[in-house]
C-alpha cells in the first residue's frame, strides 16, 4: 500500500460521539484531530493534515447517504475532513465527495456543504 504510513492504522474513540443516536460535532472533531496527530506523529492536527496532503492533490471522499439513519455518514465527520484538507492547502474544487446514487448524494449530502466547498461526484 503506498503512502507515508503503509498499512498503519490508528484507533480513536470518544464515548460522547453519539448521544441518543445523534452525532456530536465536538466529539467527532476531537476524534479526527487526535487520529490525524497519532497517525502522523505530530503535536498539531494542522501539521498532521499537511504531512498527509499538499496543494495540488485531488482527494475523493466516499460517503454513505443511504441505509439506516445510524449508519449514514456523519455531517460533522465530513465537514471536519473537508476542513482538514483545506487547512492542508487542498482547493475546494480538488475535493470530490462521491457516492454511486446521484439522488441520495444530491438530496442528503449536498445540503451539508457550504457553497463551493467541494464537488459532488457520482461513481
C-alpha atoms as a PDB file:
ATOM      1  CA  UNK A   1       0.000   0.000   0.000  1.00  0.00           C
ATOM      2  CA  UNK A   2       1.530   3.359  -0.989  1.00  0.00           C
ATOM      3  CA  UNK A   3       1.827   6.430   1.168  1.00  0.00           C
ATOM      4  CA  UNK A   4       3.782   7.700   4.132  1.00  0.00           C
ATOM      5  CA  UNK A   5       2.309   5.169   6.534  1.00  0.00           C
ATOM      6  CA  UNK A   6       1.688   1.950   4.571  1.00  0.00           C
ATOM      7  CA  UNK A   7      -0.638  -0.326   6.474  1.00  0.00           C
ATOM      8  CA  UNK A   8      -0.615   1.799   9.628  1.00  0.00           C
ATOM      9  CA  UNK A   9      -3.921   2.109  11.457  1.00  0.00           C
ATOM     10  CA  UNK A  10      -4.810   4.191  14.492  1.00  0.00           C
ATOM     11  CA  UNK A  11      -7.972   3.804  16.502  1.00  0.00           C
ATOM     12  CA  UNK A  12      -9.814   6.600  18.239  1.00  0.00           C
ATOM     13  CA  UNK A  13     -12.915   6.517  20.400  1.00  0.00           C
ATOM     14  CA  UNK A  14     -14.992   9.030  22.289  1.00  0.00           C
ATOM     15  CA  UNK A  15     -17.882   7.984  24.490  1.00  0.00           C
ATOM     16  CA  UNK A  16     -19.737  11.193  23.622  1.00  0.00           C
ATOM     17  CA  UNK A  17     -19.504  10.909  19.829  1.00  0.00           C
ATOM     18  CA  UNK A  18     -23.130   9.805  19.615  1.00  0.00           C
ATOM     19  CA  UNK A  19     -25.806  10.680  22.134  1.00  0.00           C
ATOM     20  CA  UNK A  20     -29.284   9.215  21.642  1.00  0.00           C
ATOM     21  CA  UNK A  21     -28.299   8.292  18.049  1.00  0.00           C
ATOM     22  CA  UNK A  22     -27.302  11.884  17.295  1.00  0.00           C
ATOM     23  CA  UNK A  23     -23.734  12.574  16.188  1.00  0.00           C
ATOM     24  CA  UNK A  24     -21.930  15.122  18.374  1.00  0.00           C
ATOM     25  CA  UNK A  25     -19.799  17.564  16.385  1.00  0.00           C
ATOM     26  CA  UNK A  26     -17.237  18.482  19.058  1.00  0.00           C
ATOM     27  CA  UNK A  27     -16.523  14.861  19.954  1.00  0.00           C
ATOM     28  CA  UNK A  28     -16.180  13.859  16.297  1.00  0.00           C
ATOM     29  CA  UNK A  29     -13.826  16.775  15.613  1.00  0.00           C
ATOM     30  CA  UNK A  30     -11.704  15.771  18.607  1.00  0.00           C
ATOM     31  CA  UNK A  31     -11.505  12.142  17.445  1.00  0.00           C
ATOM     32  CA  UNK A  32     -10.460  13.032  13.896  1.00  0.00           C
ATOM     33  CA  UNK A  33      -7.898  15.555  15.087  1.00  0.00           C
ATOM     34  CA  UNK A  34      -6.431  13.102  17.597  1.00  0.00           C
ATOM     35  CA  UNK A  35      -6.340  10.361  14.951  1.00  0.00           C
ATOM     36  CA  UNK A  36      -4.505  12.583  12.453  1.00  0.00           C
ATOM     37  CA  UNK A  37      -1.935  13.540  15.099  1.00  0.00           C
ATOM     38  CA  UNK A  38      -1.427   9.926  16.200  1.00  0.00           C
ATOM     39  CA  UNK A  39      -1.089   8.692  12.622  1.00  0.00           C
ATOM     40  CA  UNK A  40       1.429  11.341  11.620  1.00  0.00           C
ATOM     41  CA  UNK A  41       3.284  11.660  14.943  1.00  0.00           C
ATOM     42  CA  UNK A  42       2.640  15.399  15.082  1.00  0.00           C
ATOM     43  CA  UNK A  43       1.585  17.511  18.038  1.00  0.00           C
ATOM     44  CA  UNK A  44      -0.746  19.681  15.946  1.00  0.00           C
ATOM     45  CA  UNK A  45      -3.574  18.426  13.741  1.00  0.00           C
ATOM     46  CA  UNK A  46      -2.977  21.090  11.072  1.00  0.00           C
ATOM     47  CA  UNK A  47       0.631  19.908  10.729  1.00  0.00           C
ATOM     48  CA  UNK A  48      -0.690  16.362  10.521  1.00  0.00           C
ATOM     49  CA  UNK A  49      -3.048  17.190   7.649  1.00  0.00           C
ATOM     50  CA  UNK A  50      -0.201  18.997   5.875  1.00  0.00           C
ATOM     51  CA  UNK A  51       2.022  15.964   6.273  1.00  0.00           C
ATOM     52  CA  UNK A  52      -0.577  13.807   4.502  1.00  0.00           C
ATOM     53  CA  UNK A  53      -1.800  16.201   1.801  1.00  0.00           C
ATOM     54  CA  UNK A  54      -0.393  19.124  -0.143  1.00  0.00           C
ATOM     55  CA  UNK A  55      -1.671  21.746  -2.565  1.00  0.00           C
ATOM     56  CA  UNK A  56      -2.336  20.208  -5.965  1.00  0.00           C
ATOM     57  CA  UNK A  57      -3.599  16.895  -4.570  1.00  0.00           C
ATOM     58  CA  UNK A  58      -7.071  15.818  -5.627  1.00  0.00           C
ATOM     59  CA  UNK A  59      -8.903  13.974  -2.859  1.00  0.00           C
ATOM     60  CA  UNK A  60     -12.015  11.822  -3.085  1.00  0.00           C
ATOM     61  CA  UNK A  61     -14.258  11.274  -0.071  1.00  0.00           C
ATOM     62  CA  UNK A  62     -16.696   8.363  -0.317  1.00  0.00           C
ATOM     63  CA  UNK A  63     -19.844   8.969   1.716  1.00  0.00           C
ATOM     64  CA  UNK A  64     -22.741   6.703   2.622  1.00  0.00           C
ATOM     65  CA  UNK A  65     -26.016   8.651   2.347  1.00  0.00           C
ATOM     66  CA  UNK A  66     -28.216   5.559   2.240  1.00  0.00           C
ATOM     67  CA  UNK A  67     -29.268   2.990   4.753  1.00  0.00           C
ATOM     68  CA  UNK A  68     -30.452   3.081   8.327  1.00  0.00           C
ATOM     69  CA  UNK A  69     -30.028   6.515   9.916  1.00  0.00           C
ATOM     70  CA  UNK A  70     -27.446   5.268  12.426  1.00  0.00           C
ATOM     71  CA  UNK A  71     -25.038   4.205   9.655  1.00  0.00           C
ATOM     72  CA  UNK A  72     -25.388   7.160   7.305  1.00  0.00           C
ATOM     73  CA  UNK A  73     -22.245   9.279   7.023  1.00  0.00           C
ATOM     74  CA  UNK A  74     -21.914  11.988   9.631  1.00  0.00           C
ATOM     75  CA  UNK A  75     -22.126  15.600   8.533  1.00  0.00           C
ATOM     76  CA  UNK A  76     -19.738  16.526  11.355  1.00  0.00           C
ATOM     77  CA  UNK A  77     -17.199  13.950  10.161  1.00  0.00           C
ATOM     78  CA  UNK A  78     -17.426  15.026   6.527  1.00  0.00           C
ATOM     79  CA  UNK A  79     -17.053  18.701   7.385  1.00  0.00           C
ATOM     80  CA  UNK A  80     -14.045  18.049   9.658  1.00  0.00           C
ATOM     81  CA  UNK A  81     -12.334  16.072   6.880  1.00  0.00           C
ATOM     82  CA  UNK A  82     -13.029  18.837   4.356  1.00  0.00           C
ATOM     83  CA  UNK A  83     -11.776  21.412   6.868  1.00  0.00           C
ATOM     84  CA  UNK A  84      -8.560  19.446   7.390  1.00  0.00           C
ATOM     85  CA  UNK A  85      -7.984  19.145   3.658  1.00  0.00           C
ATOM     86  CA  UNK A  86      -8.485  22.883   3.192  1.00  0.00           C
ATOM     87  CA  UNK A  87      -6.046  23.552   6.059  1.00  0.00           C
ATOM     88  CA  UNK A  88      -3.549  21.373   4.180  1.00  0.00           C
ATOM     89  CA  UNK A  89      -3.921  23.618   1.131  1.00  0.00           C
ATOM     90  CA  UNK A  90      -6.280  21.487  -0.935  1.00  0.00           C
ATOM     91  CA  UNK A  91      -8.530  23.702  -3.039  1.00  0.00           C
ATOM     92  CA  UNK A  92     -12.282  23.205  -2.700  1.00  0.00           C
ATOM     93  CA  UNK A  93     -12.507  22.174  -6.346  1.00  0.00           C
ATOM     94  CA  UNK A  94      -9.930  19.448  -5.689  1.00  0.00           C
ATOM     95  CA  UNK A  95     -12.134  17.777  -3.075  1.00  0.00           C
ATOM     96  CA  UNK A  96     -14.618  15.341  -4.599  1.00  0.00           C
ATOM     97  CA  UNK A  97     -17.405  13.953  -2.427  1.00  0.00           C
ATOM     98  CA  UNK A  98     -18.909  10.943  -4.146  1.00  0.00           C
ATOM     99  CA  UNK A  99     -21.474   8.156  -3.956  1.00  0.00           C
ATOM    100  CA  UNK A 100     -22.988   5.935  -6.647  1.00  0.00           C
ATOM    101  CA  UNK A 101     -26.566   7.114  -6.073  1.00  0.00           C
ATOM    102  CA  UNK A 102     -26.925  10.607  -7.538  1.00  0.00           C
ATOM    103  CA  UNK A 103     -30.316  11.312  -5.945  1.00  0.00           C
ATOM    104  CA  UNK A 104     -29.178  10.425  -2.424  1.00  0.00           C
ATOM    105  CA  UNK A 105     -25.955  12.346  -2.824  1.00  0.00           C
ATOM    106  CA  UNK A 106     -27.755  15.430  -4.113  1.00  0.00           C
ATOM    107  CA  UNK A 107     -30.610  15.300  -1.609  1.00  0.00           C
ATOM    108  CA  UNK A 108     -28.756  14.307   1.564  1.00  0.00           C
ATOM    109  CA  UNK A 109     -25.101  15.337   1.266  1.00  0.00           C
ATOM    110  CA  UNK A 110     -25.315  18.458  -0.915  1.00  0.00           C
ATOM    111  CA  UNK A 111     -27.303  20.457   1.681  1.00  0.00           C
ATOM    112  CA  UNK A 112     -24.499  19.805   4.202  1.00  0.00           C
ATOM    113  CA  UNK A 113     -21.863  21.502   2.078  1.00  0.00           C
ATOM    114  CA  UNK A 114     -21.219  25.243   2.027  1.00  0.00           C
ATOM    115  CA  UNK A 115     -21.486  26.620  -1.496  1.00  0.00           C
ATOM    116  CA  UNK A 116     -18.344  25.856  -3.456  1.00  0.00           C
ATOM    117  CA  UNK A 117     -16.783  23.733  -0.710  1.00  0.00           C
ATOM    118  CA  UNK A 118     -16.456  20.527  -2.712  1.00  0.00           C
ATOM    119  CA  UNK A 119     -17.528  18.855  -5.920  1.00  0.00           C
ATOM    120  CA  UNK A 120     -20.106  16.092  -5.891  1.00  0.00           C
ATOM    121  CA  UNK A 121     -19.277  13.049  -7.976  1.00  0.00           C
ATOM    122  CA  UNK A 122     -21.287  10.023  -8.970  1.00  0.00           C
ATOM    123  CA  UNK A 123     -19.417   6.762  -9.313  1.00  0.00           C
END
